[in-house]
Amino acid sequence: MECVFGLVGNGFAVVVADTSAVHSILVHKPNEDKILLLDSHKLMGASGEPGDRVQFTEYIQKNMSLYQFRNGIPLTTAAAANFTRGELASALRKNPYHVNILLAGYDKDIGPSLYYLDYIATLHKVDKAAFGYGSYFSLAMMDRHYHSGMSLEEAIDLVDKCITEIRSRLVVAPPNFVIKIVDKDGAREYAWRETIKDAPIPSD
């Protein structure tokens, strides 16, 4: 029941992912971070088969570091998205990666951007996107409340609305989420949204 979603605001991009590592009906970890920092100004949120997700995202991260080491400049967000798309496409007819990706970044002359990549190497630049069962509800909330030029406070409020809707509507909802942002100051973790425990029943 993975949930990954993101949006672009005024000068920043936000990526949110659940933190549950599951297989079938078993939960292996409640604190799996599915949003990888590719470099100082890029984030990659991924969902899919755990092995493919970890292997592919780390492969992209290391190759971007190698490019920067060799050439002295980092890839732009658009270049990173196209490189990632190329690697997915190359693997598609050999040994495909079952992984879906939201790639967010901030470029000095362009600003924030968000790219949608799925496991069959589809690539789109978007303002908002989501993967997983939670996408049914997060996309509905974003369609209703999202507008271009959102402030960070408005974006986080919308993220909380999406998480609340996923928790209340999804039969097996992930309990915890991690929120990361990228802006002119870099990519970083913003907050965790952990399960709200039931209030104790008052005694008479």
N, C-alpha and C. Protein backbone atom coordinates (compact mmCIF):
# COMPACT_ATOMS: atom_id res chain seq x y z
N MET A 1 0.83 -1.20 0.00
CA MET A 1 0.00 0.00 0.00
C MET A 1 0.87 1.25 0.00
N GLU A 2 1.80 1.32 -0.94
CA GLU A 2 2.74 2.44 -0.95
C GLU A 2 2.05 3.73 -1.39
N CYS A 3 2.57 4.83 -0.88
CA CYS A 3 2.05 6.15 -1.22
C CYS A 3 3.22 7.12 -1.38
N VAL A 4 3.38 7.66 -2.57
CA VAL A 4 4.40 8.67 -2.84
C VAL A 4 3.72 9.79 -3.62
N PHE A 5 3.85 11.03 -3.15
CA PHE A 5 3.26 12.14 -3.89
C PHE A 5 4.11 13.39 -3.70
N GLY A 6 3.92 14.35 -4.59
CA GLY A 6 4.72 15.56 -4.54
C GLY A 6 4.04 16.70 -5.25
N LEU A 7 4.54 17.92 -5.02
CA LEU A 7 3.99 19.11 -5.67
C LEU A 7 5.05 20.20 -5.71
N VAL A 8 4.81 21.17 -6.60
CA VAL A 8 5.71 22.31 -6.77
C VAL A 8 5.01 23.56 -6.26
N GLY A 9 5.71 24.32 -5.42
CA GLY A 9 5.17 25.58 -4.91
C GLY A 9 5.98 26.76 -5.38
N ASN A 10 5.85 27.86 -4.67
CA ASN A 10 6.54 29.10 -5.02
C ASN A 10 7.99 29.05 -4.52
N GLY A 11 8.89 28.58 -5.39
CA GLY A 11 10.30 28.52 -5.04
C GLY A 11 10.75 27.25 -4.37
N PHE A 12 9.94 26.22 -4.36
CA PHE A 12 10.29 24.96 -3.72
C PHE A 12 9.48 23.81 -4.32
N ALA A 13 9.92 22.59 -4.04
CA ALA A 13 9.16 21.39 -4.37
C ALA A 13 9.13 20.50 -3.13
N VAL A 14 8.04 19.78 -2.95
CA VAL A 14 7.84 18.89 -1.81
C VAL A 14 7.63 17.47 -2.31
N VAL A 15 8.29 16.50 -1.68
CA VAL A 15 8.05 15.09 -1.97
C VAL A 15 7.72 14.39 -0.66
N VAL A 16 6.67 13.58 -0.68
CA VAL A 16 6.20 12.88 0.51
C VAL A 16 6.11 11.38 0.20
N ALA A 17 6.51 10.54 1.14
CA ALA A 17 6.43 9.10 0.94
C ALA A 17 6.11 8.41 2.26
N ASP A 18 5.41 7.27 2.16
CA ASP A 18 5.20 6.46 3.36
C ASP A 18 6.52 5.81 3.73
N THR A 19 6.60 5.30 4.95
CA THR A 19 7.86 4.74 5.45
C THR A 19 7.75 3.26 5.79
N SER A 20 6.77 2.57 5.20
CA SER A 20 6.57 1.15 5.50
C SER A 20 7.25 0.27 4.46
N ALA A 21 8.08 -0.65 4.92
CA ALA A 21 8.67 -1.67 4.05
C ALA A 21 7.84 -2.93 4.24
N VAL A 22 7.05 -3.29 3.23
CA VAL A 22 6.11 -4.40 3.37
C VAL A 22 6.34 -5.46 2.30
N HIS A 23 5.91 -6.67 2.61
CA HIS A 23 5.87 -7.75 1.63
C HIS A 23 4.65 -8.58 1.93
N SER A 24 3.75 -8.63 0.96
CA SER A 24 2.48 -9.33 1.15
C SER A 24 1.75 -8.73 2.37
N ILE A 25 1.48 -9.54 3.37
CA ILE A 25 0.75 -9.04 4.55
C ILE A 25 1.68 -8.69 5.71
N LEU A 26 2.99 -8.74 5.46
CA LEU A 26 3.95 -8.50 6.53
C LEU A 26 4.59 -7.11 6.41
N VAL A 27 4.75 -6.45 7.54
CA VAL A 27 5.48 -5.19 7.62
C VAL A 27 6.87 -5.49 8.17
N HIS A 28 7.90 -5.25 7.36
CA HIS A 28 9.27 -5.54 7.79
C HIS A 28 9.90 -4.37 8.54
N LYS A 29 9.57 -3.14 8.12
CA LYS A 29 10.13 -1.95 8.76
C LYS A 29 9.09 -0.84 8.74
N PRO A 30 8.99 -0.08 9.84
CA PRO A 30 8.06 1.06 9.85
C PRO A 30 8.73 2.39 9.53
N ASN A 31 10.06 2.38 9.31
CA ASN A 31 10.80 3.64 9.14
C ASN A 31 11.73 3.61 7.93
N GLU A 32 11.27 3.02 6.84
CA GLU A 32 12.05 2.97 5.60
C GLU A 32 11.94 4.30 4.87
N ASP A 33 13.07 4.95 4.64
CA ASP A 33 13.07 6.25 3.94
C ASP A 33 13.11 6.00 2.44
N LYS A 34 12.02 6.33 1.74
CA LYS A 34 11.91 6.08 0.31
C LYS A 34 12.20 7.32 -0.53
N ILE A 35 12.73 8.37 0.11
CA ILE A 35 13.10 9.59 -0.61
C ILE A 35 14.61 9.76 -0.49
N LEU A 36 15.31 9.61 -1.61
CA LEU A 36 16.77 9.66 -1.63
C LEU A 36 17.24 11.04 -2.04
N LEU A 37 18.26 11.56 -1.34
CA LEU A 37 18.90 12.80 -1.76
C LEU A 37 19.92 12.46 -2.84
N LEU A 38 19.64 12.90 -4.07
CA LEU A 38 20.55 12.61 -5.18
C LEU A 38 21.79 13.47 -5.11
N ASP A 39 21.61 14.75 -4.81
CA ASP A 39 22.73 15.66 -4.55
C ASP A 39 22.20 16.79 -3.69
N SER A 40 22.90 17.90 -3.64
CA SER A 40 22.52 18.97 -2.72
C SER A 40 21.18 19.60 -3.04
N HIS A 41 20.71 19.50 -4.31
CA HIS A 41 19.48 20.17 -4.71
C HIS A 41 18.52 19.26 -5.48
N LYS A 42 18.56 17.95 -5.20
CA LYS A 42 17.66 17.03 -5.88
C LYS A 42 17.19 15.92 -4.95
N LEU A 43 15.91 15.56 -5.11
CA LEU A 43 15.28 14.49 -4.34
C LEU A 43 14.68 13.48 -5.29
N MET A 44 14.71 12.21 -4.90
CA MET A 44 14.06 11.16 -5.68
C MET A 44 13.20 10.32 -4.76
N GLY A 45 11.89 10.45 -4.89
CA GLY A 45 10.95 9.60 -4.16
C GLY A 45 10.56 8.42 -5.04
N ALA A 46 10.60 7.22 -4.50
CA ALA A 46 10.37 6.03 -5.32
C ALA A 46 9.44 5.05 -4.63
N SER A 47 8.67 4.34 -5.45
CA SER A 47 7.84 3.24 -4.97
C SER A 47 8.01 2.07 -5.92
N GLY A 48 7.72 0.87 -5.44
CA GLY A 48 7.86 -0.32 -6.27
C GLY A 48 8.48 -1.46 -5.49
N GLU A 49 8.94 -2.47 -6.22
CA GLU A 49 9.58 -3.61 -5.57
C GLU A 49 10.78 -3.14 -4.75
N PRO A 50 10.87 -3.55 -3.48
CA PRO A 50 11.93 -3.01 -2.61
C PRO A 50 13.34 -3.15 -3.16
N GLY A 51 13.67 -4.32 -3.71
CA GLY A 51 15.01 -4.52 -4.24
C GLY A 51 15.29 -3.61 -5.42
N ASP A 52 14.34 -3.52 -6.35
CA ASP A 52 14.50 -2.64 -7.51
C ASP A 52 14.58 -1.19 -7.08
N ARG A 53 13.75 -0.81 -6.12
CA ARG A 53 13.71 0.59 -5.66
C ARG A 53 15.06 1.01 -5.09
N VAL A 54 15.60 0.20 -4.19
CA VAL A 54 16.88 0.55 -3.56
C VAL A 54 18.02 0.50 -4.57
N GLN A 55 18.08 -0.57 -5.36
CA GLN A 55 19.20 -0.73 -6.29
C GLN A 55 19.19 0.38 -7.35
N PHE A 56 18.01 0.66 -7.92
CA PHE A 56 17.96 1.62 -9.01
C PHE A 56 18.20 3.05 -8.53
N THR A 57 17.60 3.44 -7.43
CA THR A 57 17.78 4.81 -6.95
C THR A 57 19.24 5.06 -6.54
N GLU A 58 19.86 4.09 -5.91
CA GLU A 58 21.27 4.25 -5.55
C GLU A 58 22.16 4.27 -6.79
N TYR A 59 21.80 3.48 -7.80
CA TYR A 59 22.55 3.48 -9.06
C TYR A 59 22.51 4.87 -9.71
N ILE A 60 21.34 5.49 -9.73
CA ILE A 60 21.20 6.83 -10.29
C ILE A 60 22.00 7.84 -9.46
N GLN A 61 21.90 7.73 -8.14
CA GLN A 61 22.62 8.66 -7.26
C GLN A 61 24.13 8.58 -7.48
N LYS A 62 24.68 7.38 -7.56
CA LYS A 62 26.13 7.22 -7.72
C LYS A 62 26.60 7.69 -9.10
N ASN A 63 25.79 7.45 -10.13
CA ASN A 63 26.17 7.88 -11.47
C ASN A 63 26.12 9.41 -11.59
N MET A 64 25.18 10.04 -10.90
CA MET A 64 25.15 11.50 -10.90
C MET A 64 26.36 12.06 -10.17
N SER A 65 26.76 11.43 -9.09
CA SER A 65 27.98 11.85 -8.37
C SER A 65 29.21 11.66 -9.25
N LEU A 66 29.26 10.57 -10.01
CA LEU A 66 30.38 10.32 -10.92
C LEU A 66 30.45 11.38 -12.00
N TYR A 67 29.29 11.75 -12.55
CA TYR A 67 29.25 12.80 -13.59
C TYR A 67 29.80 14.13 -13.03
N GLN A 68 29.36 14.47 -11.83
CA GLN A 68 29.81 15.73 -11.22
C GLN A 68 31.32 15.67 -10.94
N PHE A 69 31.80 14.52 -10.51
CA PHE A 69 33.23 14.37 -10.22
C PHE A 69 34.06 14.51 -11.50
N ARG A 70 33.58 13.93 -12.59
CA ARG A 70 34.33 13.96 -13.85
C ARG A 70 34.28 15.33 -14.53
N ASN A 71 33.13 16.00 -14.43
CA ASN A 71 32.93 17.22 -15.20
C ASN A 71 32.96 18.51 -14.39
N GLY A 72 32.93 18.37 -13.08
CA GLY A 72 33.02 19.55 -12.23
C GLY A 72 31.73 20.32 -12.06
N ILE A 73 30.66 19.89 -12.69
CA ILE A 73 29.34 20.53 -12.53
C ILE A 73 28.28 19.46 -12.34
N PRO A 74 27.24 19.74 -11.57
CA PRO A 74 26.18 18.75 -11.39
C PRO A 74 25.21 18.76 -12.57
N LEU A 75 24.48 17.67 -12.74
CA LEU A 75 23.41 17.63 -13.72
C LEU A 75 22.27 18.56 -13.29
N THR A 76 21.62 19.18 -14.25
CA THR A 76 20.40 19.93 -13.94
C THR A 76 19.29 18.92 -13.61
N THR A 77 18.20 19.41 -13.08
CA THR A 77 17.09 18.52 -12.75
C THR A 77 16.53 17.86 -14.00
N ALA A 78 16.39 18.64 -15.08
CA ALA A 78 15.89 18.08 -16.34
C ALA A 78 16.84 17.02 -16.88
N ALA A 79 18.14 17.28 -16.82
CA ALA A 79 19.13 16.30 -17.30
C ALA A 79 19.10 15.04 -16.45
N ALA A 80 18.96 15.19 -15.13
CA ALA A 80 18.88 14.03 -14.24
C ALA A 80 17.64 13.20 -14.55
N ALA A 81 16.51 13.88 -14.82
CA ALA A 81 15.27 13.17 -15.15
C ALA A 81 15.42 12.41 -16.47
N ASN A 82 16.05 13.03 -17.46
CA ASN A 82 16.22 12.37 -18.75
C ASN A 82 17.22 11.22 -18.66
N PHE A 83 18.27 11.38 -17.85
CA PHE A 83 19.21 10.28 -17.64
C PHE A 83 18.51 9.10 -16.98
N THR A 84 17.69 9.40 -15.96
CA THR A 84 16.95 8.34 -15.26
C THR A 84 16.00 7.64 -16.21
N ARG A 85 15.31 8.42 -17.03
CA ARG A 85 14.39 7.86 -18.01
C ARG A 85 15.13 6.95 -19.00
N GLY A 86 16.33 7.38 -19.43
CA GLY A 86 17.11 6.57 -20.34
C GLY A 86 17.53 5.24 -19.75
N GLU A 87 17.88 5.25 -18.47
CA GLU A 87 18.28 4.00 -17.80
C GLU A 87 17.09 3.06 -17.65
N LEU A 88 15.91 3.61 -17.33
CA LEU A 88 14.70 2.78 -17.24
C LEU A 88 14.36 2.19 -18.60
N ALA A 89 14.47 3.01 -19.66
CA ALA A 89 14.14 2.54 -21.00
C ALA A 89 15.12 1.46 -21.47
N SER A 90 16.40 1.63 -21.15
CA SER A 90 17.41 0.64 -21.56
C SER A 90 17.16 -0.71 -20.89
N ALA A 91 16.70 -0.66 -19.65
CA ALA A 91 16.46 -1.90 -18.90
C ALA A 91 15.12 -2.54 -19.22
N LEU A 92 14.26 -1.79 -19.91
CA LEU A 92 12.87 -2.23 -20.08
C LEU A 92 12.76 -3.58 -20.78
N ARG A 93 13.58 -3.82 -21.81
CA ARG A 93 13.50 -5.07 -22.57
C ARG A 93 14.59 -6.07 -22.20
N LYS A 94 15.31 -5.77 -21.13
CA LYS A 94 16.34 -6.69 -20.66
C LYS A 94 15.96 -7.27 -19.30
N ASN A 95 16.06 -6.43 -18.31
CA ASN A 95 15.70 -6.82 -16.94
C ASN A 95 15.05 -5.61 -16.28
N PRO A 96 13.77 -5.38 -16.54
CA PRO A 96 13.14 -4.11 -16.14
C PRO A 96 13.10 -3.89 -14.63
N TYR A 97 13.22 -2.61 -14.25
CA TYR A 97 13.06 -2.22 -12.86
C TYR A 97 11.60 -1.88 -12.61
N HIS A 98 11.00 -2.54 -11.62
CA HIS A 98 9.62 -2.24 -11.27
C HIS A 98 9.63 -1.13 -10.22
N VAL A 99 9.86 0.08 -10.70
CA VAL A 99 9.98 1.22 -9.80
C VAL A 99 9.36 2.45 -10.46
N ASN A 100 8.62 3.22 -9.67
CA ASN A 100 8.01 4.47 -10.10
C ASN A 100 8.66 5.62 -9.32
N ILE A 101 8.90 6.74 -10.00
CA ILE A 101 9.75 7.78 -9.41
C ILE A 101 9.14 9.16 -9.54
N LEU A 102 9.28 9.95 -8.49
CA LEU A 102 9.07 11.39 -8.54
C LEU A 102 10.41 12.05 -8.26
N LEU A 103 10.91 12.81 -9.22
CA LEU A 103 12.20 13.46 -9.09
C LEU A 103 11.99 14.96 -8.99
N ALA A 104 12.40 15.54 -7.88
CA ALA A 104 12.24 16.97 -7.64
C ALA A 104 13.61 17.62 -7.51
N GLY A 105 13.71 18.85 -7.98
CA GLY A 105 14.98 19.56 -7.87
C GLY A 105 14.81 21.05 -7.97
N TYR A 106 15.90 21.75 -7.68
CA TYR A 106 15.91 23.21 -7.78
C TYR A 106 17.15 23.62 -8.56
N ASP A 107 16.93 24.39 -9.63
CA ASP A 107 18.04 24.90 -10.45
C ASP A 107 18.07 26.42 -10.33
N LYS A 108 19.26 26.98 -10.24
CA LYS A 108 19.42 28.40 -9.96
C LYS A 108 18.67 29.30 -10.93
N ASP A 109 18.77 29.02 -12.22
CA ASP A 109 18.17 29.90 -13.22
C ASP A 109 16.75 29.49 -13.61
N ILE A 110 16.31 28.33 -13.16
CA ILE A 110 15.00 27.80 -13.57
C ILE A 110 14.01 27.77 -12.42
N GLY A 111 14.52 27.44 -11.21
CA GLY A 111 13.64 27.30 -10.06
C GLY A 111 13.31 25.85 -9.80
N PRO A 112 12.24 25.59 -9.05
CA PRO A 112 11.89 24.22 -8.70
C PRO A 112 11.19 23.50 -9.85
N SER A 113 11.34 22.20 -9.89
CA SER A 113 10.65 21.39 -10.89
C SER A 113 10.42 19.99 -10.34
N LEU A 114 9.41 19.32 -10.91
CA LEU A 114 9.03 17.98 -10.48
C LEU A 114 8.79 17.13 -11.73
N TYR A 115 9.39 15.94 -11.75
CA TYR A 115 9.27 15.04 -12.89
C TYR A 115 8.67 13.71 -12.46
N TYR A 116 7.77 13.20 -13.30
CA TYR A 116 7.07 11.95 -13.07
C TYR A 116 7.65 10.89 -14.00
N LEU A 117 8.15 9.80 -13.44
CA LEU A 117 8.67 8.69 -14.23
C LEU A 117 8.05 7.40 -13.72
N ASP A 118 7.51 6.58 -14.63
CA ASP A 118 6.98 5.30 -14.18
C ASP A 118 7.86 4.16 -14.68
N TYR A 119 7.47 2.93 -14.36
CA TYR A 119 8.34 1.78 -14.61
C TYR A 119 8.50 1.46 -16.09
N ILE A 120 7.65 2.01 -16.96
CA ILE A 120 7.83 1.79 -18.40
C ILE A 120 8.48 3.00 -19.07
N ALA A 121 9.18 3.81 -18.26
CA ALA A 121 10.01 4.91 -18.75
C ALA A 121 9.21 6.07 -19.35
N THR A 122 8.02 6.31 -18.83
CA THR A 122 7.28 7.51 -19.18
C THR A 122 7.85 8.68 -18.39
N LEU A 123 8.04 9.81 -19.04
CA LEU A 123 8.60 10.99 -18.38
C LEU A 123 7.74 12.21 -18.66
N HIS A 124 7.32 12.90 -17.58
CA HIS A 124 6.55 14.13 -17.73
C HIS A 124 7.00 15.12 -16.66
N LYS A 125 7.08 16.38 -17.05
CA LYS A 125 7.26 17.45 -16.08
C LYS A 125 5.88 17.87 -15.59
N VAL A 126 5.69 17.88 -14.28
CA VAL A 126 4.36 18.10 -13.72
C VAL A 126 4.43 19.10 -12.55
N ASP A 127 3.25 19.60 -12.16
CA ASP A 127 3.16 20.44 -10.97
C ASP A 127 2.80 19.64 -9.73
N LYS A 128 2.12 18.52 -9.94
CA LYS A 128 1.74 17.64 -8.84
C LYS A 128 1.59 16.23 -9.40
N ALA A 129 1.90 15.24 -8.57
CA ALA A 129 1.84 13.85 -9.04
C ALA A 129 1.81 12.92 -7.84
N ALA A 130 1.43 11.66 -8.10
CA ALA A 130 1.37 10.67 -7.02
C ALA A 130 1.46 9.26 -7.60
N PHE A 131 1.95 8.33 -6.79
CA PHE A 131 2.00 6.91 -7.12
C PHE A 131 1.41 6.12 -5.96
N GLY A 132 0.99 4.89 -6.27
CA GLY A 132 0.51 3.98 -5.23
C GLY A 132 -0.98 4.09 -4.99
N TYR A 133 -1.48 3.24 -4.09
CA TYR A 133 -2.90 3.26 -3.78
C TYR A 133 -3.33 4.59 -3.18
N GLY A 134 -2.43 5.24 -2.46
CA GLY A 134 -2.76 6.54 -1.88
C GLY A 134 -2.94 7.63 -2.91
N SER A 135 -2.52 7.38 -4.16
CA SER A 135 -2.66 8.40 -5.20
C SER A 135 -4.11 8.72 -5.50
N TYR A 136 -5.02 7.75 -5.31
CA TYR A 136 -6.44 8.01 -5.57
C TYR A 136 -6.93 9.17 -4.71
N PHE A 137 -6.45 9.23 -3.48
CA PHE A 137 -6.94 10.23 -2.54
C PHE A 137 -6.07 11.49 -2.54
N SER A 138 -4.75 11.32 -2.64
CA SER A 138 -3.88 12.50 -2.65
C SER A 138 -4.09 13.33 -3.92
N LEU A 139 -4.27 12.68 -5.06
CA LEU A 139 -4.53 13.43 -6.30
C LEU A 139 -5.87 14.15 -6.23
N ALA A 140 -6.87 13.51 -5.62
CA ALA A 140 -8.17 14.16 -5.48
C ALA A 140 -8.05 15.41 -4.61
N MET A 141 -7.30 15.30 -3.51
CA MET A 141 -7.13 16.46 -2.63
C MET A 141 -6.33 17.56 -3.31
N MET A 142 -5.31 17.17 -4.07
CA MET A 142 -4.50 18.18 -4.76
C MET A 142 -5.28 18.84 -5.89
N ASP A 143 -6.13 18.07 -6.59
CA ASP A 143 -6.96 18.66 -7.63
C ASP A 143 -7.89 19.72 -7.04
N ARG A 144 -8.34 19.51 -5.83
CA ARG A 144 -9.27 20.44 -5.19
C ARG A 144 -8.56 21.65 -4.59
N HIS A 145 -7.40 21.44 -3.96
CA HIS A 145 -6.78 22.50 -3.15
C HIS A 145 -5.49 23.09 -3.74
N TYR A 146 -4.88 22.41 -4.71
CA TYR A 146 -3.61 22.91 -5.23
C TYR A 146 -3.82 24.13 -6.12
N HIS A 147 -2.90 25.09 -6.02
CA HIS A 147 -2.85 26.20 -6.97
C HIS A 147 -1.39 26.60 -7.16
N SER A 148 -1.07 27.13 -8.31
CA SER A 148 0.31 27.51 -8.59
C SER A 148 0.73 28.65 -7.67
N GLY A 149 1.99 28.65 -7.30
CA GLY A 149 2.49 29.71 -6.43
C GLY A 149 2.15 29.53 -4.97
N MET A 150 1.90 28.28 -4.54
CA MET A 150 1.59 28.03 -3.13
C MET A 150 2.79 28.37 -2.25
N SER A 151 2.52 28.91 -1.08
CA SER A 151 3.58 29.13 -0.09
C SER A 151 3.90 27.79 0.57
N LEU A 152 5.03 27.74 1.29
CA LEU A 152 5.42 26.51 1.96
C LEU A 152 4.38 26.10 3.00
N GLU A 153 3.84 27.07 3.72
CA GLU A 153 2.83 26.77 4.74
C GLU A 153 1.58 26.16 4.09
N GLU A 154 1.16 26.72 2.96
CA GLU A 154 -0.01 26.18 2.26
C GLU A 154 0.27 24.78 1.74
N ALA A 155 1.48 24.56 1.23
CA ALA A 155 1.83 23.25 0.70
C ALA A 155 1.85 22.19 1.80
N ILE A 156 2.43 22.52 2.95
CA ILE A 156 2.47 21.56 4.06
C ILE A 156 1.07 21.29 4.58
N ASP A 157 0.22 22.30 4.60
CA ASP A 157 -1.17 22.10 5.01
C ASP A 157 -1.87 21.14 4.04
N LEU A 158 -1.60 21.29 2.74
CA LEU A 158 -2.18 20.39 1.75
C LEU A 158 -1.62 18.98 1.90
N VAL A 159 -0.33 18.86 2.18
CA VAL A 159 0.26 17.55 2.43
C VAL A 159 -0.42 16.87 3.61
N ASP A 160 -0.66 17.61 4.68
CA ASP A 160 -1.34 17.05 5.84
C ASP A 160 -2.76 16.61 5.50
N LYS A 161 -3.44 17.38 4.65
CA LYS A 161 -4.78 17.00 4.20
C LYS A 161 -4.73 15.68 3.44
N CYS A 162 -3.73 15.54 2.56
CA CYS A 162 -3.58 14.31 1.79
C CYS A 162 -3.32 13.11 2.70
N ILE A 163 -2.42 13.29 3.67
CA ILE A 163 -2.09 12.20 4.59
C ILE A 163 -3.31 11.81 5.42
N THR A 164 -4.05 12.80 5.89
CA THR A 164 -5.26 12.53 6.67
C THR A 164 -6.28 11.76 5.83
N GLU A 165 -6.43 12.15 4.58
CA GLU A 165 -7.39 11.47 3.70
C GLU A 165 -6.96 10.03 3.43
N ILE A 166 -5.66 9.82 3.20
CA ILE A 166 -5.16 8.46 2.96
C ILE A 166 -5.40 7.59 4.19
N ARG A 167 -5.11 8.13 5.36
CA ARG A 167 -5.28 7.36 6.59
C ARG A 167 -6.74 7.03 6.87
N SER A 168 -7.64 7.90 6.48
CA SER A 168 -9.05 7.67 6.79
C SER A 168 -9.76 6.85 5.72
N ARG A 169 -9.25 6.83 4.49
CA ARG A 169 -9.95 6.17 3.39
C ARG A 169 -9.36 4.83 2.98
N LEU A 170 -8.04 4.68 3.09
CA LEU A 170 -7.39 3.46 2.62
C LEU A 170 -7.56 2.35 3.64
N VAL A 171 -7.92 1.16 3.15
CA VAL A 171 -8.19 0.05 4.05
C VAL A 171 -6.97 -0.29 4.90
N VAL A 172 -5.83 -0.45 4.24
CA VAL A 172 -4.57 -0.71 4.95
C VAL A 172 -3.67 0.49 4.69
N ALA A 173 -3.81 1.51 5.50
CA ALA A 173 -3.09 2.77 5.27
C ALA A 173 -1.73 2.73 5.95
N PRO A 174 -0.70 3.25 5.29
CA PRO A 174 0.62 3.34 5.94
C PRO A 174 0.54 4.26 7.16
N PRO A 175 1.14 3.87 8.28
CA PRO A 175 1.01 4.69 9.49
C PRO A 175 1.88 5.94 9.50
N ASN A 176 3.05 5.88 8.87
CA ASN A 176 4.01 6.99 8.97
C ASN A 176 4.41 7.51 7.58
N PHE A 177 4.71 8.81 7.54
CA PHE A 177 5.14 9.46 6.30
C PHE A 177 6.34 10.35 6.59
N VAL A 178 7.19 10.52 5.56
CA VAL A 178 8.30 11.46 5.66
C VAL A 178 8.10 12.53 4.59
N ILE A 179 8.39 13.78 4.96
CA ILE A 179 8.24 14.92 4.06
C ILE A 179 9.61 15.54 3.83
N LYS A 180 9.98 15.73 2.57
CA LYS A 180 11.24 16.40 2.25
C LYS A 180 10.98 17.51 1.24
N ILE A 181 11.77 18.58 1.35
CA ILE A 181 11.62 19.72 0.44
C ILE A 181 12.96 20.05 -0.20
N VAL A 182 12.88 20.72 -1.35
CA VAL A 182 14.08 21.24 -2.02
C VAL A 182 13.78 22.64 -2.49
N ASP A 183 14.68 23.55 -2.19
CA ASP A 183 14.55 24.94 -2.61
C ASP A 183 15.95 25.51 -2.84
N LYS A 184 16.06 26.83 -2.89
CA LYS A 184 17.36 27.45 -3.17
C LYS A 184 18.40 27.11 -2.10
N ASP A 185 17.96 26.73 -0.91
CA ASP A 185 18.88 26.40 0.18
C ASP A 185 19.29 24.94 0.17
N GLY A 186 18.72 24.14 -0.73
CA GLY A 186 19.11 22.74 -0.83
C GLY A 186 17.97 21.78 -0.52
N ALA A 187 18.28 20.49 -0.64
CA ALA A 187 17.32 19.43 -0.36
C ALA A 187 17.51 18.94 1.06
N ARG A 188 16.41 18.75 1.76
CA ARG A 188 16.50 18.35 3.17
C ARG A 188 15.18 17.75 3.65
N GLU A 189 15.29 17.05 4.75
CA GLU A 189 14.09 16.51 5.40
C GLU A 189 13.35 17.64 6.10
N TYR A 190 12.03 17.67 5.93
CA TYR A 190 11.22 18.70 6.57
C TYR A 190 10.58 18.18 7.86
N ALA A 191 9.94 17.02 7.78
CA ALA A 191 9.25 16.50 8.98
C ALA A 191 8.83 15.06 8.75
N TRP A 192 8.48 14.41 9.84
CA TRP A 192 7.82 13.10 9.81
C TRP A 192 6.39 13.28 10.30
N ARG A 193 5.49 12.51 9.72
CA ARG A 193 4.11 12.48 10.19
C ARG A 193 3.84 11.07 10.69
N GLU A 194 3.85 10.91 12.00
CA GLU A 194 3.69 9.59 12.59
C GLU A 194 2.23 9.36 12.97
N THR A 195 1.89 8.10 13.17
CA THR A 195 0.52 7.75 13.54
C THR A 195 0.09 8.49 14.78
N ILE A 196 -1.09 9.06 14.71
CA ILE A 196 -1.66 9.71 15.89
C ILE A 196 -2.28 8.63 16.76
N LYS A 197 -1.74 8.48 17.95
CA LYS A 197 -2.23 7.43 18.85
C LYS A 197 -3.63 7.78 19.37
N ASP A 198 -4.39 6.71 19.61
CA ASP A 198 -5.72 6.92 20.16
C ASP A 198 -5.63 7.54 21.54
N ALA A 199 -6.47 8.50 21.79
CA ALA A 199 -6.48 9.15 23.11
C ALA A 199 -6.97 8.14 24.16
N PRO A 200 -6.40 8.19 25.36
CA PRO A 200 -6.81 7.23 26.40
C PRO A 200 -8.26 7.49 26.81
N ILE A 201 -8.95 6.41 27.09
CA ILE A 201 -10.35 6.53 27.51
C ILE A 201 -10.38 7.04 28.95
N PRO A 202 -11.07 8.15 29.19
CA PRO A 202 -11.09 8.69 30.56
C PRO A 202 -11.80 7.75 31.51
N SER A 203 -11.23 7.62 32.70
CA SER A 203 -11.86 6.77 33.72
C SER A 203 -12.88 7.58 34.52
N ASP A 204 -13.87 6.90 35.01
CA ASP A 204 -14.90 7.58 35.81
C ASP A 204 -14.38 7.92 37.21
